[in-house]
Amino acid sequence: VGAGLIAGCHVRAYTKTEGVDVVA
């Protein structure tokens, strides 16, 4: 939830984490 700077950091971290898929 959110698409700002910090959300972008979270999304990048999630995509590098095995077993985690960002779906929305």
PDB file of all heavy atoms in Angstrom:
ATOM      1  N   VAL A   1       0.862  -1.182   0.000  1.00  0.00           N
ATOM      2  CA  VAL A   1       0.000   0.000   0.000  1.00  0.00           C
ATOM      3  C   VAL A   1       0.896   1.228   0.000  1.00  0.00           C
ATOM      4  O   VAL A   1       1.699   1.425   0.915  1.00  0.00           O
ATOM      5  CB  VAL A   1      -0.948   0.008   1.217  1.00  0.00           C
ATOM      6  CG1 VAL A   1      -1.787   1.269   1.220  1.00  0.00           C
ATOM      7  CG2 VAL A   1      -1.831  -1.232   1.201  1.00  0.00           C
ATOM      8  N   GLY A   2       0.771   1.999  -1.054  1.00  0.00           N
ATOM      9  CA  GLY A   2       1.609   3.164  -1.267  1.00  0.00           C
ATOM     10  C   GLY A   2       2.563   2.884  -2.413  1.00  0.00           C
ATOM     11  O   GLY A   2       2.960   1.742  -2.643  1.00  0.00           O
ATOM     12  N   ALA A   3       2.906   3.925  -3.157  1.00  0.00           N
ATOM     13  CA  ALA A   3       3.806   3.749  -4.295  1.00  0.00           C
ATOM     14  C   ALA A   3       4.890   4.818  -4.303  1.00  0.00           C
ATOM     15  O   ALA A   3       5.427   5.161  -5.340  1.00  0.00           O
ATOM     16  CB  ALA A   3       3.008   3.777  -5.598  1.00  0.00           C
ATOM     17  N   GLY A   4       5.202   5.324  -3.132  1.00  0.00           N
ATOM     18  CA  GLY A   4       6.240   6.343  -3.016  1.00  0.00           C
ATOM     19  C   GLY A   4       7.623   5.731  -2.869  1.00  0.00           C
ATOM     20  O   GLY A   4       7.832   4.545  -3.146  1.00  0.00           O
ATOM     21  N   LEU A   5       8.548   6.535  -2.419  1.00  0.00           N
ATOM     22  CA  LEU A   5       9.948   6.128  -2.313  1.00  0.00           C
ATOM     23  C   LEU A   5      10.137   4.911  -1.414  1.00  0.00           C
ATOM     24  O   LEU A   5      10.799   3.942  -1.795  1.00  0.00           O
ATOM     25  CB  LEU A   5      10.780   7.304  -1.786  1.00  0.00           C
ATOM     26  CG  LEU A   5      12.261   7.045  -1.614  1.00  0.00           C
ATOM     27  CD1 LEU A   5      12.912   6.789  -2.966  1.00  0.00           C
ATOM     28  CD2 LEU A   5      12.915   8.213  -0.913  1.00  0.00           C
ATOM     29  N   ILE A   6       9.569   4.937  -0.232  1.00  0.00           N
ATOM     30  CA  ILE A   6       9.745   3.819   0.709  1.00  0.00           C
ATOM     31  C   ILE A   6       9.054   2.566   0.188  1.00  0.00           C
ATOM     32  O   ILE A   6       9.599   1.458   0.293  1.00  0.00           O
ATOM     33  CB  ILE A   6       9.225   4.194   2.117  1.00  0.00           C
ATOM     34  CG1 ILE A   6      10.046   5.360   2.682  1.00  0.00           C
ATOM     35  CG2 ILE A   6       9.266   2.996   3.059  1.00  0.00           C
ATOM     36  CD1 ILE A   6      11.535   5.095   2.795  1.00  0.00           C
ATOM     37  N   ALA A   7       7.880   2.714  -0.399  1.00  0.00           N
ATOM     38  CA  ALA A   7       7.183   1.553  -0.973  1.00  0.00           C
ATOM     39  C   ALA A   7       8.030   0.913  -2.066  1.00  0.00           C
ATOM     40  O   ALA A   7       8.094  -0.313  -2.175  1.00  0.00           O
ATOM     41  CB  ALA A   7       5.827   1.965  -1.531  1.00  0.00           C
ATOM     42  N   GLY A   8       8.690   1.735  -2.868  1.00  0.00           N
ATOM     43  CA  GLY A   8       9.573   1.204  -3.895  1.00  0.00           C
ATOM     44  C   GLY A   8      10.705   0.383  -3.296  1.00  0.00           C
ATOM     45  O   GLY A   8      11.068  -0.669  -3.825  1.00  0.00           O
ATOM     46  N   CYS A   9      11.249   0.847  -2.178  1.00  0.00           N
ATOM     47  CA  CYS A   9      12.296   0.086  -1.475  1.00  0.00           C
ATOM     48  C   CYS A   9      11.756  -1.249  -0.991  1.00  0.00           C
ATOM     49  O   CYS A   9      12.410  -2.285  -1.118  1.00  0.00           O
ATOM     50  CB  CYS A   9      12.831   0.884  -0.287  1.00  0.00           C
ATOM     51  SG  CYS A   9      13.743   2.360  -0.743  1.00  0.00           S
ATOM     52  N   HIS A  10      10.542  -1.238  -0.449  1.00  0.00           N
ATOM     53  CA  HIS A  10       9.929  -2.479   0.025  1.00  0.00           C
ATOM     54  C   HIS A  10       9.691  -3.438  -1.128  1.00  0.00           C
ATOM     55  O   HIS A  10       9.971  -4.641  -1.016  1.00  0.00           O
ATOM     56  CB  HIS A  10       8.614  -2.185   0.756  1.00  0.00           C
ATOM     57  CG  HIS A  10       8.812  -1.535   2.075  1.00  0.00           C
ATOM     58  ND1 HIS A  10       8.018  -0.508   2.516  1.00  0.00           N
ATOM     59  CD2 HIS A  10       9.721  -1.747   3.048  1.00  0.00           C
ATOM     60  CE1 HIS A  10       8.427  -0.131   3.716  1.00  0.00           C
ATOM     61  NE2 HIS A  10       9.467  -0.866   4.052  1.00  0.00           N
ATOM     62  N   VAL A  11       9.166  -2.928  -2.228  1.00  0.00           N
ATOM     63  CA  VAL A  11       8.892  -3.783  -3.382  1.00  0.00           C
ATOM     64  C   VAL A  11      10.187  -4.424  -3.889  1.00  0.00           C
ATOM     65  O   VAL A  11      10.233  -5.622  -4.162  1.00  0.00           O
ATOM     66  CB  VAL A  11       8.174  -2.985  -4.498  1.00  0.00           C
ATOM     67  CG1 VAL A  11       8.182  -3.745  -5.816  1.00  0.00           C
ATOM     68  CG2 VAL A  11       6.744  -2.666  -4.083  1.00  0.00           C
ATOM     69  N   ARG A  12      11.245  -3.637  -4.003  1.00  0.00           N
ATOM     70  CA  ARG A  12      12.524  -4.199  -4.464  1.00  0.00           C
ATOM     71  C   ARG A  12      13.038  -5.256  -3.493  1.00  0.00           C
ATOM     72  O   ARG A  12      13.546  -6.302  -3.910  1.00  0.00           O
ATOM     73  CB  ARG A  12      13.547  -3.092  -4.661  1.00  0.00           C
ATOM     74  CG  ARG A  12      13.306  -2.293  -5.927  1.00  0.00           C
ATOM     75  CD  ARG A  12      14.433  -1.319  -6.224  1.00  0.00           C
ATOM     76  NE  ARG A  12      14.618  -0.291  -5.214  1.00  0.00           N
ATOM     77  CZ  ARG A  12      13.855   0.795  -5.106  1.00  0.00           C
ATOM     78  NH1 ARG A  12      12.843   0.982  -5.946  1.00  0.00           N
ATOM     79  NH2 ARG A  12      14.092   1.691  -4.170  1.00  0.00           N
ATOM     80  N   ALA A  13      12.911  -5.009  -2.212  1.00  0.00           N
ATOM     81  CA  ALA A  13      13.355  -5.995  -1.216  1.00  0.00           C
ATOM     82  C   ALA A  13      12.527  -7.270  -1.306  1.00  0.00           C
ATOM     83  O   ALA A  13      13.081  -8.381  -1.239  1.00  0.00           O
ATOM     84  CB  ALA A  13      13.272  -5.399   0.189  1.00  0.00           C
ATOM     85  N   TYR A  14      11.210  -7.122  -1.441  1.00  0.00           N
ATOM     86  CA  TYR A  14      10.351  -8.306  -1.567  1.00  0.00           C
ATOM     87  C   TYR A  14      10.718  -9.125  -2.792  1.00  0.00           C
ATOM     88  O   TYR A  14      10.744 -10.352  -2.741  1.00  0.00           O
ATOM     89  CB  TYR A  14       8.878  -7.910  -1.656  1.00  0.00           C
ATOM     90  CG  TYR A  14       8.254  -7.482  -0.353  1.00  0.00           C
ATOM     91  CD1 TYR A  14       7.391  -6.390  -0.312  1.00  0.00           C
ATOM     92  CD2 TYR A  14       8.492  -8.160   0.825  1.00  0.00           C
ATOM     93  CE1 TYR A  14       6.796  -5.987   0.871  1.00  0.00           C
ATOM     94  CE2 TYR A  14       7.899  -7.767   2.019  1.00  0.00           C
ATOM     95  CZ  TYR A  14       7.051  -6.678   2.029  1.00  0.00           C
ATOM     96  OH  TYR A  14       6.466  -6.296   3.202  1.00  0.00           O
ATOM     97  N   THR A  15      10.994  -8.467  -3.912  1.00  0.00           N
ATOM     98  CA  THR A  15      11.288  -9.215  -5.142  1.00  0.00           C
ATOM     99  C   THR A  15      12.615  -9.956  -5.052  1.00  0.00           C
ATOM    100  O   THR A  15      12.832 -10.904  -5.795  1.00  0.00           O
ATOM    101  CB  THR A  15      11.280  -8.303  -6.382  1.00  0.00           C
ATOM    102  OG1 THR A  15      12.244  -7.275  -6.231  1.00  0.00           O
ATOM    103  CG2 THR A  15       9.904  -7.699  -6.619  1.00  0.00           C
ATOM    104  N   LYS A  16      13.483  -9.549  -4.144  1.00  0.00           N
ATOM    105  CA  LYS A  16      14.768 -10.232  -3.953  1.00  0.00           C
ATOM    106  C   LYS A  16      14.680 -11.325  -2.891  1.00  0.00           C
ATOM    107  O   LYS A  16      15.662 -12.025  -2.648  1.00  0.00           O
ATOM    108  CB  LYS A  16      15.839  -9.226  -3.557  1.00  0.00           C
ATOM    109  CG  LYS A  16      16.178  -8.254  -4.660  1.00  0.00           C
ATOM    110  CD  LYS A  16      17.192  -7.237  -4.192  1.00  0.00           C
ATOM    111  CE  LYS A  16      17.459  -6.231  -5.302  1.00  0.00           C
ATOM    112  NZ  LYS A  16      18.355  -5.169  -4.840  1.00  0.00           N
ATOM    113  N   THR A  17      13.516 -11.467  -2.273  1.00  0.00           N
ATOM    114  CA  THR A  17      13.340 -12.430  -1.196  1.00  0.00           C
ATOM    115  C   THR A  17      12.699 -13.703  -1.740  1.00  0.00           C
ATOM    116  O   THR A  17      11.603 -13.665  -2.300  1.00  0.00           O
ATOM    117  CB  THR A  17      12.452 -11.838  -0.081  1.00  0.00           C
ATOM    118  OG1 THR A  17      13.038 -10.607   0.363  1.00  0.00           O
ATOM    119  CG2 THR A  17      12.321 -12.797   1.080  1.00  0.00           C
ATOM    120  N   GLU A  18      13.405 -14.809  -1.581  1.00  0.00           N
ATOM    121  CA  GLU A  18      12.893 -16.087  -2.061  1.00  0.00           C
ATOM    122  C   GLU A  18      11.565 -16.426  -1.375  1.00  0.00           C
ATOM    123  O   GLU A  18      11.416 -16.245  -0.167  1.00  0.00           O
ATOM    124  CB  GLU A  18      13.903 -17.187  -1.762  1.00  0.00           C
ATOM    125  CG  GLU A  18      13.525 -18.521  -2.352  1.00  0.00           C
ATOM    126  CD  GLU A  18      14.594 -19.568  -2.103  1.00  0.00           C
ATOM    127  OE1 GLU A  18      15.754 -19.195  -1.901  1.00  0.00           O
ATOM    128  OE2 GLU A  18      14.228 -20.751  -2.116  1.00  0.00           O
ATOM    129  N   GLY A  19      10.614 -16.891  -2.166  1.00  0.00           N
ATOM    130  CA  GLY A  19       9.329 -17.303  -1.632  1.00  0.00           C
ATOM    131  C   GLY A  19       8.324 -16.175  -1.450  1.00  0.00           C
ATOM    132  O   GLY A  19       7.272 -16.376  -0.868  1.00  0.00           O
ATOM    133  N   VAL A  20       8.644 -14.972  -1.940  1.00  0.00           N
ATOM    134  CA  VAL A  20       7.736 -13.829  -1.821  1.00  0.00           C
ATOM    135  C   VAL A  20       7.422 -13.293  -3.211  1.00  0.00           C
ATOM    136  O   VAL A  20       8.329 -13.078  -4.016  1.00  0.00           O
ATOM    137  CB  VAL A  20       8.360 -12.702  -0.961  1.00  0.00           C
ATOM    138  CG1 VAL A  20       7.444 -11.491  -0.912  1.00  0.00           C
ATOM    139  CG2 VAL A  20       8.661 -13.202   0.436  1.00  0.00           C
ATOM    140  N   ASP A  21       6.142 -13.117  -3.494  1.00  0.00           N
ATOM    141  CA  ASP A  21       5.690 -12.542  -4.761  1.00  0.00           C
ATOM    142  C   ASP A  21       4.881 -11.281  -4.487  1.00  0.00           C
ATOM    143  O   ASP A  21       3.895 -11.332  -3.742  1.00  0.00           O
ATOM    144  CB  ASP A  21       4.796 -13.520  -5.530  1.00  0.00           C
ATOM    145  CG  ASP A  21       5.551 -14.728  -6.030  1.00  0.00           C
ATOM    146  OD1 ASP A  21       6.720 -14.571  -6.443  1.00  0.00           O
ATOM    147  OD2 ASP A  21       4.983 -15.831  -6.013  1.00  0.00           O
ATOM    148  N   VAL A  22       5.284 -10.156  -5.075  1.00  0.00           N
ATOM    149  CA  VAL A  22       4.494  -8.930  -4.985  1.00  0.00           C
ATOM    150  C   VAL A  22       3.395  -9.052  -6.033  1.00  0.00           C
ATOM    151  O   VAL A  22       3.667  -9.173  -7.222  1.00  0.00           O
ATOM    152  CB  VAL A  22       5.351  -7.669  -5.250  1.00  0.00           C
ATOM    153  CG1 VAL A  22       4.482  -6.423  -5.215  1.00  0.00           C
ATOM    154  CG2 VAL A  22       6.469  -7.576  -4.227  1.00  0.00           C
ATOM    155  N   VAL A  23       2.144  -9.069  -5.582  1.00  0.00           N
ATOM    156  CA  VAL A  23       1.030  -9.274  -6.509  1.00  0.00           C
ATOM    157  C   VAL A  23       0.226  -8.009  -6.759  1.00  0.00           C
ATOM    158  O   VAL A  23      -0.509  -7.931  -7.741  1.00  0.00           O
ATOM    159  CB  VAL A  23       0.085 -10.405  -6.019  1.00  0.00           C
ATOM    160  CG1 VAL A  23       0.834 -11.730  -5.957  1.00  0.00           C
ATOM    161  CG2 VAL A  23      -0.519 -10.070  -4.664  1.00  0.00           C
ATOM    162  N   ALA A  24       0.348  -7.015  -5.880  1.00  0.00           N
ATOM    163  CA  ALA A  24      -0.442  -5.790  -6.045  1.00  0.00           C
ATOM    164  C   ALA A  24       0.270  -4.611  -5.391  1.00  0.00           C
ATOM    165  O   ALA A  24       0.965  -4.767  -4.389  1.00  0.00           O
ATOM    166  CB  ALA A  24      -1.822  -5.964  -5.421  1.00  0.00           C
TER     167      ALA A  24
END
